[in-house]
PDB file of N, CA and C in Angstrom:
ATOM      1  N   MET A   1     134.976  75.210  71.365  1.00  0.00           N
ATOM      2  CA  MET A   1     134.952  74.891  72.936  1.00  0.00           C
ATOM      3  C   MET A   1     134.222  76.588  73.097  1.00  0.00           C
ATOM      4  N   THR A   2     133.503  76.117  74.717  1.00  0.00           N
ATOM      5  CA  THR A   2     132.497  77.095  75.057  1.00  0.00           C
ATOM      6  C   THR A   2     133.745  77.841  76.239  1.00  0.00           C
ATOM      7  N   THR A   3     133.404  79.611  76.723  1.00  0.00           N
ATOM      8  CA  THR A   3     134.284  79.578  77.457  1.00  0.00           C
ATOM      9  C   THR A   3     133.650  79.975  78.679  1.00  0.00           C
ATOM     10  N   SER A   4     133.389  80.133  79.786  1.00  0.00           N
ATOM     11  CA  SER A   4     132.221  80.473  80.773  1.00  0.00           C
ATOM     12  C   SER A   4     132.953  81.781  81.285  1.00  0.00           C
ATOM     13  N   ALA A   5     131.791  81.598  82.445  1.00  0.00           N
ATOM     14  CA  ALA A   5     132.080  83.189  82.876  1.00  0.00           C
ATOM     15  C   ALA A   5     133.424  83.839  83.597  1.00  0.00           C
ATOM     16  N   GLU A   6     133.777  82.920  84.065  1.00  0.00           N
ATOM     17  CA  GLU A   6     135.067  82.763  84.439  1.00  0.00           C
ATOM     18  C   GLU A   6     136.191  83.365  83.711  1.00  0.00           C
ATOM     19  N   ASP A   7     135.979  82.746  82.421  1.00  0.00           N
ATOM     20  CA  ASP A   7     137.028  83.464  80.864  1.00  0.00           C
ATOM     21  C   ASP A   7     136.589  84.816  80.747  1.00  0.00           C
ATOM     22  N   THR A   8     135.253  85.461  81.342  1.00  0.00           N
ATOM     23  CA  THR A   8     135.416  86.977  80.227  1.00  0.00           C
ATOM     24  C   THR A   8     136.132  87.791  80.902  1.00  0.00           C
ATOM     25  N   ASP A   9     136.366  88.707  80.166  1.00  0.00           N
ATOM     26  CA  ASP A   9     137.733  89.792  80.407  1.00  0.00           C
ATOM     27  C   ASP A   9     136.613  90.764  80.691  1.00  0.00           C
ATOM     28  N   TRP A  10     136.384  90.709  82.243  1.00  0.00           N
ATOM     29  CA  TRP A  10     135.311  91.640  82.732  1.00  0.00           C
ATOM     30  C   TRP A  10     135.671  93.529  82.997  1.00  0.00           C
ATOM     31  N   VAL A  11     137.048  93.725  82.740  1.00  0.00           N
ATOM     32  CA  VAL A  11     138.090  94.960  82.732  1.00  0.00           C
ATOM     33  C   VAL A  11     137.928  95.020  81.425  1.00  0.00           C
ATOM     34  N   GLN A  12     137.821  94.537  80.583  1.00  0.00           N
ATOM     35  CA  GLN A  12     137.116  94.883  78.982  1.00  0.00           C
ATOM     36  C   GLN A  12     135.956  95.311  78.676  1.00  0.00           C
ATOM     37  N   VAL A  13     135.192  94.656  79.117  1.00  0.00           N
ATOM     38  CA  VAL A  13     133.154  94.744  79.429  1.00  0.00           C
ATOM     39  C   VAL A  13     133.438  96.305  79.893  1.00  0.00           C
ATOM     40  N   GLN A  14     133.962  96.018  81.082  1.00  0.00           N
ATOM     41  CA  GLN A  14     133.827  97.832  81.750  1.00  0.00           C
ATOM     42  C   GLN A  14     134.272  98.943  81.149  1.00  0.00           C
ATOM     43  N   GLU A  15     135.150  99.099  80.602  1.00  0.00           N
ATOM     44  CA  GLU A  15     136.027  99.763  79.442  1.00  0.00           C
ATOM     45  C   GLU A  15     135.276  99.902  77.972  1.00  0.00           C
ATOM     46  N   SER A  16     134.317  98.919  78.075  1.00  0.00           N
ATOM     47  CA  SER A  16     133.860  99.430  76.433  1.00  0.00           C
ATOM     48  C   SER A  16     132.901 100.390  76.042  1.00  0.00           C
ATOM     49  N   ALA A  17     132.311 100.646  75.490  1.00  0.00           N
ATOM     50  CA  ALA A  17     132.139 102.087  74.457  1.00  0.00           C
ATOM     51  C   ALA A  17     130.775 102.079  75.327  1.00  0.00           C
ATOM     52  N   ASP A  18     129.639 100.707  74.608  1.00  0.00           N
ATOM     53  CA  ASP A  18     128.689 100.510  75.372  1.00  0.00           C
ATOM     54  C   ASP A  18     128.442 100.540  77.117  1.00  0.00           C
ATOM     55  N   PHE A  19     129.276  99.487  77.808  1.00  0.00           N
ATOM     56  CA  PHE A  19     129.140 100.134  79.020  1.00  0.00           C
ATOM     57  C   PHE A  19     129.485 101.372  79.595  1.00  0.00           C
ATOM     58  N   ALA A  20     130.685 101.945  78.688  1.00  0.00           N
ATOM     59  CA  ALA A  20     130.411 103.855  79.179  1.00  0.00           C
ATOM     60  C   ALA A  20     129.096 104.085  79.144  1.00  0.00           C
ATOM     61  N   GLU A  21     128.585 104.084  77.748  1.00  0.00           N
ATOM     62  CA  GLU A  21     127.008 104.968  77.729  1.00  0.00           C
ATOM     63  C   GLU A  21     126.036 104.327  78.869  1.00  0.00           C
ATOM     64  N   LEU A  22     125.860 102.728  79.258  1.00  0.00           N
ATOM     65  CA  LEU A  22     125.075 102.391  79.947  1.00  0.00           C
ATOM     66  C   LEU A  22     125.058 103.425  81.511  1.00  0.00           C
ATOM     67  N   LYS A  23     126.181 103.530  81.841  1.00  0.00           N
ATOM     68  CA  LYS A  23     126.845 103.698  83.307  1.00  0.00           C
ATOM     69  C   LYS A  23     126.497 105.424  82.725  1.00  0.00           C
ATOM     70  N   ARG A  24     126.297 106.117  81.682  1.00  0.00           N
ATOM     71  CA  ARG A  24     126.151 107.612  81.171  1.00  0.00           C
ATOM     72  C   ARG A  24     124.437 107.798  81.553  1.00  0.00           C
ATOM     73  N   ARG A  25     123.743 106.687  80.959  1.00  0.00           N
ATOM     74  CA  ARG A  25     122.587 106.750  80.883  1.00  0.00           C
ATOM     75  C   ARG A  25     121.572 106.851  82.077  1.00  0.00           C
ATOM     76  N   LEU A  26     122.407 105.817  83.273  1.00  0.00           N
ATOM     77  CA  LEU A  26     122.212 105.621  84.443  1.00  0.00           C
ATOM     78  C   LEU A  26     122.744 106.652  84.816  1.00  0.00           C
ATOM     79  N   ARG A  27     123.194 106.991  85.604  1.00  0.00           N
ATOM     80  CA  ARG A  27     123.996 108.698  86.078  1.00  0.00           C
ATOM     81  C   ARG A  27     122.980 110.190  86.182  1.00  0.00           C
ATOM     82  N   ARG A  28     122.742 109.761  84.013  1.00  0.00           N
ATOM     83  CA  ARG A  28     122.076 111.139  83.388  1.00  0.00           C
ATOM     84  C   ARG A  28     120.456 111.088  84.600  1.00  0.00           C
ATOM     85  N   PHE A  29     120.136 110.021  85.154  1.00  0.00           N
ATOM     86  CA  PHE A  29     118.387 109.823  85.486  1.00  0.00           C
ATOM     87  C   PHE A  29     119.003 110.018  87.136  1.00  0.00           C
ATOM     88  N   VAL A  30     120.046 109.101  87.753  1.00  0.00           N
ATOM     89  CA  VAL A  30     119.860 109.167  89.230  1.00  0.00           C
ATOM     90  C   VAL A  30     120.812 110.309  90.078  1.00  0.00           C
ATOM     91  N   PHE A  31     121.484 111.145  89.570  1.00  0.00           N
ATOM     92  CA  PHE A  31     121.928 112.032  89.886  1.00  0.00           C
ATOM     93  C   PHE A  31     120.990 112.761  90.166  1.00  0.00           C
ATOM     94  N   PRO A  32     120.113 113.455  88.993  1.00  0.00           N
ATOM     95  CA  PRO A  32     119.273 114.515  89.160  1.00  0.00           C
ATOM     96  C   PRO A  32     118.262 113.927  89.972  1.00  0.00           C
ATOM     97  N   MET A  33     117.845 112.865  90.020  1.00  0.00           N
ATOM     98  CA  MET A  33     116.814 112.595  90.963  1.00  0.00           C
ATOM     99  C   MET A  33     116.864 112.426  92.069  1.00  0.00           C
ATOM    100  N   THR A  34     117.948 112.158  92.675  1.00  0.00           N
ATOM    101  CA  THR A  34     118.519 112.291  93.757  1.00  0.00           C
ATOM    102  C   THR A  34     118.490 113.670  94.410  1.00  0.00           C
ATOM    103  N   LEU A  35     119.325 114.209  93.650  1.00  0.00           N
ATOM    104  CA  LEU A  35     119.368 115.309  93.905  1.00  0.00           C
ATOM    105  C   LEU A  35     117.942 116.448  93.748  1.00  0.00           C
ATOM    106  N   ALA A  36     117.079 116.416  93.501  1.00  0.00           N
ATOM    107  CA  ALA A  36     115.590 116.715  93.657  1.00  0.00           C
ATOM    108  C   ALA A  36     114.991 116.234  95.174  1.00  0.00           C
ATOM    109  N   PHE A  37     115.481 115.039  95.472  1.00  0.00           N
ATOM    110  CA  PHE A  37     114.618 114.426  95.954  1.00  0.00           C
ATOM    111  C   PHE A  37     115.116 115.079  97.423  1.00  0.00           C
ATOM    112  N   LEU A  38     116.613 114.538  97.532  1.00  0.00           N
ATOM    113  CA  LEU A  38     117.236 115.352  98.588  1.00  0.00           C
ATOM    114  C   LEU A  38     116.717 116.608  98.456  1.00  0.00           C
ATOM    115  N   GLY A  39     116.792 117.683  98.064  1.00  0.00           N
ATOM    116  CA  GLY A  39     116.152 118.986  98.120  1.00  0.00           C
ATOM    117  C   GLY A  39     114.495 118.811  98.664  1.00  0.00           C
ATOM    118  N   TRP A  40     113.872 118.332  98.286  1.00  0.00           N
ATOM    119  CA  TRP A  40     112.722 118.397  98.620  1.00  0.00           C
ATOM    120  C   TRP A  40     112.463 117.316  99.770  1.00  0.00           C
ATOM    121  N   TYR A  41     112.853 116.834 100.407  1.00  0.00           N
ATOM    122  CA  TYR A  41     112.852 116.005 101.420  1.00  0.00           C
ATOM    123  C   TYR A  41     113.750 117.344 102.653  1.00  0.00           C
ATOM    124  N   LEU A  42     115.032 117.923 102.233  1.00  0.00           N
ATOM    125  CA  LEU A  42     115.089 118.758 103.326  1.00  0.00           C
ATOM    126  C   LEU A  42     114.526 120.189 103.362  1.00  0.00           C
ATOM    127  N   LEU A  43     113.858 120.706 102.444  1.00  0.00           N
ATOM    128  CA  LEU A  43     112.745 121.588 101.970  1.00  0.00           C
ATOM    129  C   LEU A  43     112.054 121.022 103.531  1.00  0.00           C
ATOM    130  N   TYR A  44     111.361 119.799 103.413  1.00  0.00           N
ATOM    131  CA  TYR A  44     110.198 119.228 104.085  1.00  0.00           C
ATOM    132  C   TYR A  44     110.534 119.059 105.995  1.00  0.00           C
ATOM    133  N   VAL A  45     111.740 118.907 106.013  1.00  0.00           N
ATOM    134  CA  VAL A  45     112.818 118.884 107.638  1.00  0.00           C
ATOM    135  C   VAL A  45     112.428 120.180 107.914  1.00  0.00           C
ATOM    136  N   VAL A  46     113.097 121.000 107.110  1.00  0.00           N
ATOM    137  CA  VAL A  46     113.063 122.510 107.283  1.00  0.00           C
ATOM    138  C   VAL A  46     112.183 123.973 107.846  1.00  0.00           C
ATOM    139  N   LEU A  47     111.267 123.050 107.323  1.00  0.00           N
ATOM    140  CA  LEU A  47     109.994 123.405 107.148  1.00  0.00           C
ATOM    141  C   LEU A  47     108.897 122.937 108.389  1.00  0.00           C
ATOM    142  N   ALA A  48     109.217 122.068 108.591  1.00  0.00           N
ATOM    143  CA  ALA A  48     108.892 121.694 109.766  1.00  0.00           C
ATOM    144  C   ALA A  48     109.004 121.685 111.391  1.00  0.00           C
ATOM    145  N   ASP A  49     110.885 122.212 110.981  1.00  0.00           N
ATOM    146  CA  ASP A  49     111.296 122.359 112.312  1.00  0.00           C
ATOM    147  C   ASP A  49     111.413 123.964 112.415  1.00  0.00           C
ATOM    148  N   TYR A  50     111.063 125.090 111.250  1.00  0.00           N
ATOM    149  CA  TYR A  50     111.302 126.165 111.344  1.00  0.00           C
ATOM    150  C   TYR A  50     110.004 126.714 110.970  1.00  0.00           C
ATOM    151  N   ALA A  51     109.376 126.371 110.489  1.00  0.00           N
ATOM    152  CA  ALA A  51     107.955 127.273 110.180  1.00  0.00           C
ATOM    153  C   ALA A  51     106.437 126.542 110.667  1.00  0.00           C
ATOM    154  N   HIS A  52     106.892 126.648 112.418  1.00  0.00           N
ATOM    155  CA  HIS A  52     105.993 125.528 112.543  1.00  0.00           C
ATOM    156  C   HIS A  52     104.324 126.130 112.185  1.00  0.00           C
ATOM    157  N   GLY A  53     104.241 127.787 111.955  1.00  0.00           N
ATOM    158  CA  GLY A  53     103.092 128.225 111.571  1.00  0.00           C
ATOM    159  C   GLY A  53     102.324 128.077 110.703  1.00  0.00           C
ATOM    160  N   PHE A  54     103.642 127.872 109.454  1.00  0.00           N
ATOM    161  CA  PHE A  54     102.971 127.688 107.990  1.00  0.00           C
ATOM    162  C   PHE A  54     102.423 126.372 108.064  1.00  0.00           C
ATOM    163  N   MET A  55     103.202 124.996 108.678  1.00  0.00           N
ATOM    164  CA  MET A  55     102.967 123.919 108.849  1.00  0.00           C
ATOM    165  C   MET A  55     102.296 123.388 109.423  1.00  0.00           C
ATOM    166  N   ALA A  56     101.289 124.242 110.312  1.00  0.00           N
ATOM    167  CA  ALA A  56     100.433 123.907 111.436  1.00  0.00           C
ATOM    168  C   ALA A  56      98.632 124.611 109.938  1.00  0.00           C
ATOM    169  N   THR A  57      98.934 124.978 109.319  1.00  0.00           N
ATOM    170  CA  THR A  57      98.156 125.883 108.742  1.00  0.00           C
ATOM    171  C   THR A  57      97.144 124.765 108.856  1.00  0.00           C
ATOM    172  N   LYS A  58      95.973 124.889 108.802  1.00  0.00           N
ATOM    173  CA  LYS A  58      94.902 123.943 108.420  1.00  0.00           C
ATOM    174  C   LYS A  58      94.139 124.014 107.091  1.00  0.00           C
ATOM    175  N   LEU A  59      93.559 123.011 106.736  1.00  0.00           N
ATOM    176  CA  LEU A  59      93.663 123.225 104.683  1.00  0.00           C
ATOM    177  C   LEU A  59      92.396 122.784 104.730  1.00  0.00           C
ATOM    178  N   ILE A  60      91.903 121.151 105.638  1.00  0.00           N
ATOM    179  CA  ILE A  60      90.648 121.120 105.399  1.00  0.00           C
ATOM    180  C   ILE A  60      90.160 120.469 106.922  1.00  0.00           C
ATOM    181  N   GLY A  61      89.725 120.820 107.569  1.00  0.00           N
ATOM    182  CA  GLY A  61      89.097 120.047 109.383  1.00  0.00           C
ATOM    183  C   GLY A  61      90.432 119.941 109.920  1.00  0.00           C
ATOM    184  N   ASN A  62      90.869 118.626 110.265  1.00  0.00           N
ATOM    185  CA  ASN A  62      91.874 118.437 110.819  1.00  0.00           C
ATOM    186  C   ASN A  62      93.495 118.299 110.019  1.00  0.00           C
ATOM    187  N   ILE A  63      93.569 118.489 108.681  1.00  0.00           N
ATOM    188  CA  ILE A  63      93.894 118.010 108.069  1.00  0.00           C
ATOM    189  C   ILE A  63      95.010 119.325 107.612  1.00  0.00           C
ATOM    190  N   ASN A  64      96.489 119.391 107.792  1.00  0.00           N
ATOM    191  CA  ASN A  64      97.428 120.820 107.738  1.00  0.00           C
ATOM    192  C   ASN A  64      98.371 120.779 106.942  1.00  0.00           C
ATOM    193  N   VAL A  65      98.983 121.757 106.786  1.00  0.00           N
ATOM    194  CA  VAL A  65     100.186 121.591 105.562  1.00  0.00           C
ATOM    195  C   VAL A  65     101.107 120.673 105.828  1.00  0.00           C
ATOM    196  N   GLY A  66     101.436 120.328 107.539  1.00  0.00           N
ATOM    197  CA  GLY A  66     102.244 119.491 106.806  1.00  0.00           C
ATOM    198  C   GLY A  66     102.391 117.773 107.387  1.00  0.00           C
ATOM    199  N   LEU A  67     101.372 117.549 106.908  1.00  0.00           N
ATOM    200  CA  LEU A  67     100.537 116.457 107.031  1.00  0.00           C
ATOM    201  C   LEU A  67     100.217 116.172 105.567  1.00  0.00           C
ATOM    202  N   VAL A  68     100.331 117.052 105.071  1.00  0.00           N
ATOM    203  CA  VAL A  68     100.114 117.036 103.254  1.00  0.00           C
ATOM    204  C   VAL A  68     101.497 116.883 102.929  1.00  0.00           C
ATOM    205  N   PHE A  69     102.261 117.628 103.407  1.00  0.00           N
ATOM    206  CA  PHE A  69     103.920 117.533 102.903  1.00  0.00           C
ATOM    207  C   PHE A  69     104.639 116.631 103.073  1.00  0.00           C
ATOM    208  N   GLY A  70     104.281 115.441 104.321  1.00  0.00           N
ATOM    209  CA  GLY A  70     104.768 114.547 104.564  1.00  0.00           C
ATOM    210  C   GLY A  70     103.786 113.336 104.096  1.00  0.00           C
ATOM    211  N   LEU A  71     102.788 113.295 103.129  1.00  0.00           N
ATOM    212  CA  LEU A  71     102.526 112.058 102.611  1.00  0.00           C
ATOM    213  C   LEU A  71     103.375 112.794 101.967  1.00  0.00           C
ATOM    214  N   LEU A  72     102.583 113.788 100.559  1.00  0.00           N
ATOM    215  CA  LEU A  72     103.681 114.044  99.504  1.00  0.00           C
ATOM    216  C   LEU A  72     104.913 113.173  99.409  1.00  0.00           C
ATOM    217  N   GLN A  73     105.615 112.997 100.475  1.00  0.00           N
ATOM    218  CA  GLN A  73     107.050 112.939 100.447  1.00  0.00           C
ATOM    219  C   GLN A  73     106.689 110.952 100.196  1.00  0.00           C
ATOM    220  N   PHE A  74     105.742 110.527 100.883  1.00  0.00           N
ATOM    221  CA  PHE A  74     105.299 109.372 100.058  1.00  0.00           C
ATOM    222  C   PHE A  74     105.284 109.214  98.702  1.00  0.00           C
ATOM    223  N   ALA A  75     104.022 110.452  98.064  1.00  0.00           N
ATOM    224  CA  ALA A  75     103.940 109.948  96.689  1.00  0.00           C
ATOM    225  C   ALA A  75     104.906 110.561  95.525  1.00  0.00           C
ATOM    226  N   SER A  76     106.083 111.667  96.696  1.00  0.00           N
ATOM    227  CA  SER A  76     107.184 111.834  95.615  1.00  0.00           C
ATOM    228  C   SER A  76     107.890 110.296  95.055  1.00  0.00           C
ATOM    229  N   THR A  77     107.947 109.275  96.254  1.00  0.00           N
ATOM    230  CA  THR A  77     108.938 108.333  96.729  1.00  0.00           C
ATOM    231  C   THR A  77     108.458 107.544  95.487  1.00  0.00           C
ATOM    232  N   PHE A  78     107.062 107.108  95.388  1.00  0.00           N
ATOM    233  CA  PHE A  78     106.095 106.215  93.782  1.00  0.00           C
ATOM    234  C   PHE A  78     106.711 106.728  93.008  1.00  0.00           C
ATOM    235  N   LEU A  79     106.307 108.083  92.787  1.00  0.00           N
ATOM    236  CA  LEU A  79     106.555 108.931  91.881  1.00  0.00           C
ATOM    237  C   LEU A  79     108.120 108.705  90.717  1.00  0.00           C
ATOM    238  N   ILE A  80     108.862 108.514  91.919  1.00  0.00           N
ATOM    239  CA  ILE A  80     110.374 108.660  91.456  1.00  0.00           C
ATOM    240  C   ILE A  80     110.869 107.138  91.113  1.00  0.00           C
ATOM    241  N   THR A  81     110.232 106.110  91.950  1.00  0.00           N
ATOM    242  CA  THR A  81     110.334 104.999  91.345  1.00  0.00           C
ATOM    243  C   THR A  81     109.446 104.332  90.087  1.00  0.00           C
ATOM    244  N   PHE A  82     108.567 104.956  89.779  1.00  0.00           N
ATOM    245  CA  PHE A  82     107.557 104.893  88.188  1.00  0.00           C
ATOM    246  C   PHE A  82     108.287 105.436  87.548  1.00  0.00           C
ATOM    247  N   LEU A  83     108.806 106.377  87.608  1.00  0.00           N
ATOM    248  CA  LEU A  83     109.847 107.679  86.688  1.00  0.00           C
ATOM    249  C   LEU A  83     111.270 106.293  86.304  1.00  0.00           C
ATOM    250  N   TYR A  84     111.836 105.609  87.532  1.00  0.00           N
ATOM    251  CA  TYR A  84     113.042 104.821  86.979  1.00  0.00           C
ATOM    252  C   TYR A  84     112.575 103.662  86.107  1.00  0.00           C
ATOM    253  N   VAL A  85     111.381 103.052  86.503  1.00  0.00           N
ATOM    254  CA  VAL A  85     110.977 102.350  86.167  1.00  0.00           C
ATOM    255  C   VAL A  85     111.215 102.701  84.480  1.00  0.00           C
ATOM    256  N   ARG A  86     110.311 102.956  84.182  1.00  0.00           N
ATOM    257  CA  ARG A  86     109.989 103.755  82.746  1.00  0.00           C
ATOM    258  C   ARG A  86     111.315 103.846  81.955  1.00  0.00           C
ATOM    259  N   HIS A  87     112.283 105.000  83.013  1.00  0.00           N
ATOM    260  CA  HIS A  87     113.658 105.430  82.466  1.00  0.00           C
ATOM    261  C   HIS A  87     114.377 103.742  81.966  1.00  0.00           C
ATOM    262  N   ALA A  88     114.605 102.801  82.822  1.00  0.00           N
ATOM    263  CA  ALA A  88     114.898 101.638  82.676  1.00  0.00           C
ATOM    264  C   ALA A  88     114.781 100.847  81.933  1.00  0.00           C
ATOM    265  N   ASP A  89     113.411 100.753  81.081  1.00  0.00           N
ATOM    266  CA  ASP A  89     112.776  99.811  80.297  1.00  0.00           C
ATOM    267  C   ASP A  89     112.991 100.507  78.828  1.00  0.00           C
ATOM    268  N   ARG A  90     113.436 101.772  79.102  1.00  0.00           N
ATOM    269  CA  ARG A  90     113.241 102.553  77.569  1.00  0.00           C
ATOM    270  C   ARG A  90     114.818 102.814  77.182  1.00  0.00           C
ATOM    271  N   GLU A  91     115.557 103.463  78.294  1.00  0.00           N
ATOM    272  CA  GLU A  91     117.482 103.577  78.203  1.00  0.00           C
ATOM    273  C   GLU A  91     117.888 103.065  78.756  1.00  0.00           C
ATOM    274  N   LEU A  92     117.967 101.800  79.918  1.00  0.00           N
ATOM    275  CA  LEU A  92     118.680 100.910  80.297  1.00  0.00           C
ATOM    276  C   LEU A  92     118.822  99.715  79.976  1.00  0.00           C
ATOM    277  N   ASP A  93     117.557  98.949  79.756  1.00  0.00           N
ATOM    278  CA  ASP A  93     117.418  97.690  79.461  1.00  0.00           C
ATOM    279  C   ASP A  93     117.955  97.254  78.639  1.00  0.00           C
ATOM    280  N   PRO A  94     117.546  97.494  77.034  1.00  0.00           N
ATOM    281  CA  PRO A  94     117.982  97.677  76.317  1.00  0.00           C
ATOM    282  C   PRO A  94     119.280  97.320  76.191  1.00  0.00           C
ATOM    283  N   LEU A  95     120.065  98.436  76.122  1.00  0.00           N
ATOM    284  CA  LEU A  95     121.821  98.645  76.187  1.00  0.00           C
ATOM    285  C   LEU A  95     122.018  97.010  77.049  1.00  0.00           C
ATOM    286  N   ALA A  96     121.535  97.103  78.266  1.00  0.00           N
ATOM    287  CA  ALA A  96     122.227  96.101  78.977  1.00  0.00           C
ATOM    288  C   ALA A  96     121.870  94.805  78.253  1.00  0.00           C
ATOM    289  N   THR A  97     121.239  94.426  78.091  1.00  0.00           N
ATOM    290  CA  THR A  97     120.366  93.129  77.165  1.00  0.00           C
ATOM    291  C   THR A  97     121.572  93.329  75.806  1.00  0.00           C
ATOM    292  N   GLN A  98     121.848  93.785  75.153  1.00  0.00           N
ATOM    293  CA  GLN A  98     122.656  93.715  73.720  1.00  0.00           C
ATOM    294  C   GLN A  98     124.170  93.757  73.758  1.00  0.00           C
ATOM    295  N   ILE A  99     124.421  94.153  75.463  1.00  0.00           N
ATOM    296  CA  ILE A  99     125.623  93.720  76.407  1.00  0.00           C
ATOM    297  C   ILE A  99     125.785  92.521  76.485  1.00  0.00           C
ATOM    298  N   ARG A 100     124.729  92.047  77.421  1.00  0.00           N
ATOM    299  CA  ARG A 100     124.837  90.329  77.757  1.00  0.00           C
ATOM    300  C   ARG A 100     124.755  89.258  76.967  1.00  0.00           C
ATOM    301  N   GLU A 101     124.061  89.882  75.935  1.00  0.00           N
ATOM    302  CA  GLU A 101     123.985  89.116  74.511  1.00  0.00           C
ATOM    303  C   GLU A 101     125.047  89.040  73.898  1.00  0.00           C
ATOM    304  N   ARG A 102     126.020  90.028  74.029  1.00  0.00           N
ATOM    305  CA  ARG A 102     127.557  89.914  72.944  1.00  0.00           C
ATOM    306  C   ARG A 102     128.080  88.988  73.974  1.00  0.00           C
ATOM    307  N   LEU A 103     127.826  88.998  75.398  1.00  0.00           N
ATOM    308  CA  LEU A 103     128.613  88.396  75.994  1.00  0.00           C
ATOM    309  C   LEU A 103     128.399  87.022  76.160  1.00  0.00           C
ATOM    310  N   GLU A 104     127.437  86.891  76.081  1.00  0.00           N
ATOM    311  CA  GLU A 104     126.335  85.295  76.008  1.00  0.00           C
ATOM    312  C   GLU A 104     127.094  84.416  74.569  1.00  0.00           C
ATOM    313  N   GLY A 105     126.948  85.097  73.393  1.00  0.00           N
ATOM    314  CA  GLY A 105     127.069  84.599  72.064  1.00  0.00           C
ATOM    315  C   GLY A 105     128.749  84.821  72.256  1.00  0.00           C
ATOM    316  N   ASP A 106     129.548  84.914  73.071  1.00  0.00           N
ATOM    317  CA  ASP A 106     131.123  84.744  72.679  1.00  0.00           C
ATOM    318  C   ASP A 106     131.155  83.941  73.450  1.00  0.00           C
ATOM    319  N   ARG A 107     130.622  83.249  74.657  1.00  0.00           N
ATOM    320  CA  ARG A 107     131.035  82.372  75.172  1.00  0.00           C
ATOM    321  C   ARG A 107     130.631  80.881  74.491  1.00  0.00           C
ATOM    322  N   ARG A 108     129.429  80.877  73.243  1.00  0.00           N
ATOM    323  CA  ARG A 108     129.158  79.871  72.510  1.00  0.00           C
ATOM    324  C   ARG A 108     130.206  79.262  71.434  1.00  0.00           C
TER     325      ARG A 108
END
């Protein structure tokens, strides 16, 4: 007799040590990275609003500090995405696969 997804005790899965470890690994990356990015973004906004002279400082031709900081916002977003994918591949996906395989094995 096989069991279906409806028969899985999801509360028991959620309370398992493996699932708790998966959440811990995710939070260990997401919370610090979110705080770092929000701090970086807030710095950009505050400088743009209160440090007009600094942000208007020309670096090369018509390229100023404000433009470079704005472009670095995009670069940091791509960097965070790259770091998250690497973290997920190394830390999250193997454990998630292990949990999934155990659950699917229980259904067979």
